[in-house]
Every structure is written in structure tokens, then in C-alpha cells.
Protein backbone atom coordinates (compact mmCIF):
# COMPACT_ATOMS: atom_id res chain seq x y z
CA MET A 1 20.25 -3.69 -6.58
CA ASP A 2 23.75 -2.22 -6.75
CA LYS A 3 24.84 -4.21 -3.70
CA SER A 4 23.45 -7.35 -5.30
CA ILE A 5 25.14 -6.87 -8.69
CA LYS A 6 28.52 -6.27 -7.02
CA TYR A 7 28.48 -9.93 -5.93
CA THR A 8 28.80 -10.97 -9.60
CA VAL A 9 32.17 -9.23 -10.09
CA GLY A 10 34.95 -11.78 -10.51
CA ASP A 11 35.06 -15.38 -11.79
CA HIS A 12 31.83 -17.31 -11.17
CA ASP A 13 29.80 -20.21 -12.47
CA PHE A 14 26.60 -18.59 -13.81
CA ARG A 15 24.65 -21.81 -14.58
CA ASN A 16 21.83 -20.60 -12.27
CA ILE A 17 21.80 -17.16 -13.89
CA CYS A 18 21.41 -17.98 -17.59
CA LYS A 19 19.43 -20.22 -19.91
CA MET A 20 21.16 -23.52 -20.55
CA ASP A 21 22.46 -23.70 -24.10
CA VAL A 22 23.78 -27.29 -24.03
CA ALA A 23 22.20 -28.01 -27.43
CA ASN A 24 24.82 -25.68 -28.92
CA GLY A 25 27.64 -27.32 -27.00
CA VAL A 26 27.90 -24.89 -24.07
CA ILE A 27 29.16 -26.88 -21.08
CA ASN A 28 31.30 -24.21 -19.41
CA PHE A 29 29.20 -21.75 -17.43
CA LYS A 30 32.11 -19.86 -15.89
CA ARG A 31 32.39 -16.22 -16.86
CA THR A 32 34.36 -13.28 -15.52
CA ILE A 33 32.55 -10.05 -14.72
CA ILE A 34 35.06 -7.20 -14.78
CA ASP A 35 32.73 -4.51 -13.44
CA ALA A 36 29.04 -4.13 -12.65
CA LYS A 37 26.94 -1.33 -11.20
CA VAL A 38 23.35 -0.19 -10.92
CA SER A 39 22.73 3.54 -10.91
CA ILE A 40 19.65 5.73 -10.83
CA SER A 41 19.17 8.45 -13.42
CA ASN A 42 17.50 10.77 -10.90
CA GLN A 43 19.61 13.70 -9.75
CA ASN A 44 17.68 13.88 -6.47
CA ILE A 45 18.75 10.58 -4.92
CA GLU A 46 16.93 11.31 -1.62
CA LYS A 47 13.52 10.95 -3.29
CA VAL A 48 13.55 8.00 -5.65
CA THR A 49 10.22 7.34 -7.36
CA GLY A 50 8.84 4.67 -9.66
CA TYR A 51 9.47 7.03 -12.55
CA ASP A 52 13.23 7.13 -12.12
CA MET A 53 15.24 4.90 -14.40
CA CYS A 54 17.74 2.39 -13.10
CA GLU A 55 20.65 1.47 -15.31
CA LEU A 56 22.70 -1.71 -15.11
CA GLU A 57 26.12 -1.36 -16.65
CA ILE A 58 28.11 -4.58 -16.81
CA THR A 59 31.51 -5.28 -18.32
CA SER A 60 32.71 -8.75 -19.26
CA GLN A 61 34.69 -10.53 -21.95
CA ALA A 62 31.81 -12.91 -22.64
CA PHE A 63 28.23 -13.64 -21.60
CA LEU A 64 26.08 -16.76 -21.54
CA TRP A 65 22.76 -17.12 -23.36
CA HIS A 66 20.23 -14.83 -21.63
CA GLN A 67 22.65 -14.24 -18.75
CA ILE A 68 21.82 -10.52 -18.55
CA ARG A 69 18.05 -11.05 -18.86
CA CYS A 70 18.16 -13.65 -16.06
CA LEU A 71 20.36 -11.38 -13.96
CA MET A 72 17.99 -8.44 -14.49
CA GLY A 73 15.01 -10.63 -13.57
CA ILE A 74 16.67 -11.35 -10.22
CA LEU A 75 17.73 -7.72 -9.73
CA LEU A 76 14.16 -6.55 -10.31
CA LEU A 77 13.01 -8.88 -7.50
CA VAL A 78 15.73 -7.40 -5.27
CA GLY A 79 14.66 -3.87 -6.25
CA GLN A 80 11.05 -4.74 -5.36
CA ARG A 81 12.34 -6.03 -1.99
CA LYS A 82 11.02 -9.51 -2.70
CA GLU A 83 14.54 -10.93 -2.46
CA GLU A 84 17.60 -9.92 -0.43
CA PRO A 85 20.70 -8.71 -2.32
CA GLU A 86 22.53 -11.86 -1.18
CA ILE A 87 20.29 -14.04 -3.39
CA ILE A 88 22.98 -13.60 -6.05
CA LEU A 89 25.56 -15.20 -3.74
CA LYS A 90 23.23 -18.16 -3.15
CA LEU A 91 22.65 -18.66 -6.89
CA LEU A 92 26.38 -18.43 -7.65
CA ASP A 93 27.17 -21.07 -5.01
CA ILE A 94 26.84 -24.20 -7.13
CA GLU A 95 27.72 -26.46 -4.18
CA THR A 96 24.67 -25.46 -2.13
CA CYS A 97 22.46 -24.60 -5.11
CA PRO A 98 23.28 -27.17 -7.83
CA GLN A 99 20.01 -26.53 -9.72
CA LYS A 100 18.49 -23.31 -10.97
CA PRO A 101 15.22 -22.25 -9.33
CA GLN A 102 12.40 -21.36 -11.70
CA TYR A 103 12.14 -17.60 -12.22
CA ASN A 104 11.22 -15.17 -14.96
CA MET A 105 13.67 -13.38 -17.20
CA ALA A 106 13.55 -9.65 -17.73
CA HIS A 107 12.04 -8.20 -20.89
CA GLU A 108 14.45 -7.78 -23.81
CA VAL A 109 13.40 -4.24 -24.79
CA PRO A 110 15.58 -2.35 -22.27
CA LEU A 111 18.73 -4.30 -23.24
CA ASN A 112 21.38 -2.40 -25.12
CA LEU A 113 24.76 -3.82 -26.10
CA TRP A 114 26.60 -0.54 -26.08
CA TYR A 115 30.23 -1.24 -26.78
CA CYS A 116 32.51 -4.04 -27.93
CA ASP A 117 36.27 -3.76 -27.89
CA TYR A 118 38.63 -5.95 -29.87
CA GLU A 119 42.40 -6.04 -29.38
CA GLY A 120 44.47 -4.91 -32.34
CA VAL A 121 41.54 -3.53 -34.34
CA GLU A 122 41.44 0.10 -35.43
CA TRP A 123 37.97 1.12 -36.56
CA PHE A 124 37.39 3.37 -39.55
CA ILE A 125 34.57 5.77 -38.74
CA ASP A 126 32.80 7.48 -41.62
CA LYS A 127 31.98 10.98 -40.33
CA ASN A 128 28.88 11.34 -42.57
CA GLU A 129 27.44 8.04 -41.37
CA LEU A 130 28.18 9.02 -37.78
CA ILE A 131 26.27 12.29 -38.27
CA ASN A 132 23.34 10.36 -39.84
CA THR A 133 23.31 8.00 -36.86
CA ILE A 134 23.31 10.94 -34.43
CA LYS A 135 20.46 12.57 -36.36
CA THR A 136 18.36 9.39 -36.31
CA LEU A 137 18.97 8.82 -32.60
CA GLN A 138 18.15 12.44 -31.76
CA GLN A 139 14.86 12.16 -33.65
CA ASP A 140 14.00 8.90 -31.87
CA TRP A 141 14.89 10.51 -28.54
CA ALA A 142 12.73 13.59 -29.25
CA LEU A 143 9.63 11.59 -30.24
CA ASN A 144 9.95 9.13 -27.37
CA THR A 145 10.62 11.88 -24.82
CA ILE A 146 7.53 13.75 -25.98
CA LYS A 147 5.42 10.58 -25.63
CA SER A 148 6.96 9.85 -22.25
CA THR A 149 6.22 13.36 -20.99
CA MET A 150 2.62 13.16 -22.19
CA ILE A 151 2.09 9.78 -20.49
CA LYS A 152 3.74 10.94 -17.27
CA ASN A 153 1.46 14.00 -17.15
CA MET A 154 -1.60 11.78 -17.61
CA LEU A 155 -0.36 9.41 -14.88
CA THR A 156 0.27 12.26 -12.46
CA LYS A 157 -3.30 13.52 -12.91
CA LEU A 158 -4.77 10.01 -12.56
CA GLU A 159 -2.66 9.17 -9.50
CA ASN A 160 -3.87 12.38 -7.82
CA LEU A 161 -7.44 11.06 -8.17
CA VAL A 162 -6.57 7.85 -6.30
CA ASN A 163 -5.90 8.07 -2.58
CA CYS A 164 -3.60 5.08 -2.51
CA ALA A 165 -0.08 4.92 -1.10
CA ASN A 166 1.30 2.51 -3.68
CA THR A 167 0.71 3.03 -7.37
CA ASP A 168 4.21 1.98 -8.51
CA PHE A 169 3.53 -0.75 -11.05
CA GLN A 170 6.14 0.35 -13.62
CA SER A 171 8.49 -2.61 -13.21
CA ASP A 172 5.68 -5.19 -13.49
CA CYS A 173 6.01 -5.22 -17.29
CA LEU A 174 9.76 -5.87 -17.13
CA LEU A 175 9.45 -9.44 -15.85
CA LEU A 176 8.14 -11.90 -18.41
CA GLY A 177 5.99 -14.91 -17.70
CA VAL A 178 3.25 -15.83 -15.27
CA ARG A 179 3.43 -14.54 -11.70
CA SER A 180 1.64 -16.10 -8.78
CA LYS A 181 -0.54 -13.95 -6.55
CA ILE A 182 1.51 -14.95 -3.51
CA TYR A 183 5.24 -14.45 -3.92
CA GLN A 184 7.42 -17.47 -3.25
CA PRO A 185 11.14 -16.79 -2.55
CA LEU A 186 13.51 -18.08 -5.23
CA MET A 187 15.26 -20.62 -3.03
CA LYS A 188 11.91 -22.22 -2.09
CA ARG A 189 10.74 -22.64 -5.68
CA GLU A 190 10.76 -25.75 -7.80
CA MET A 191 14.17 -26.31 -9.36
CA CYS A 192 14.82 -26.79 -13.09
CA GLY A 193 15.59 -30.33 -14.18
């Protein structure tokens, strides 16, 4: 996934990696990606499991409508080894791929716009409000971590009862839409009109 996302760095036409927003006057699909990387939260990189979290961090001056959700949908297919990392290069090559293949976007829940920077703006930060924000986030983290730990313990016990090599279905919920039983590569799918 990291190899794949590196292909987006630079100036590219992302018309095949976004939802068209022509109704709102968007006719320029060129955007500049300053930096992009996929990392794994696991400290033990030798043994990556379905329970490790991947994080996409991407820096740009602007994004297209659903550009990140479309990009994540493709990256999830790469991570599942259904597509090669170079699929990004094919989709960015508008000459050989003038139309977007039909594919599912990633779920919106994991998206987090973390930071925006504006030239010449100095932010006033109210220390009390910052402390309240930290308190709220810590409480959310505690409750969600407790739930996550409880669910993981249940899953571990259930998976031990099943003698099956592959029980990694975690990313299935991250791609929206209908999926066919037999996977068809992106470049062989019907193209959008």
C-alpha cells in the first residue's frame, strides 16, 4: 500500500480517483500531493495481522470530492493483494485510461482531517478549551479502547475454535457497495460514462 500511495506524490490528474463534481463547476482534476505514506501501527513489523491498523497520511494543498475515499478504496484492494501497487499509475495515466473504472469508495468513518495550515494566520488557542478537548478525547479513547479490547478477546477465543487459515475479514467493512463473488481487476471493469 505504501509503494502504491507513493505514486500519487507530485502533480497528477485525479479524475479517475475522485467523484466527478462537474455540477458544482469542477473541471480541473489536477492536484498536487506533497507527501503520502502508509504505515502500520504495529511495533512488531515482522508479524503483521488483520488486527493491526494501517494509517494513510497525505499532505496536499487541495483535494477533490471524495478523492481520499476513492484512493483508500483502491489502496484496500492493493492491501488485499487483489490489485498490484502500479494500479495507481494506470489510473493516473489519463491518456491510456481516459475513463474511470467502476469501483467502491472506502467508508467515511476512518477519515480524519487532522490539520489545516493557512499562510499569515496566527491562531489564538484558549487553554481551557484545549484542556476540555483533551479531556473529551481521552474519555472517548478510553471507552473505545475498552470495547476494542473486549471484542478482540472474544474474537481470539472464537478464532481458536475454528481451524481455518484465513479469518481476516476486518477490511471487508471498509469498502462500501456491492461486491461480486468473483473479483474482477479494476482495468477490466466497466468504465463510468
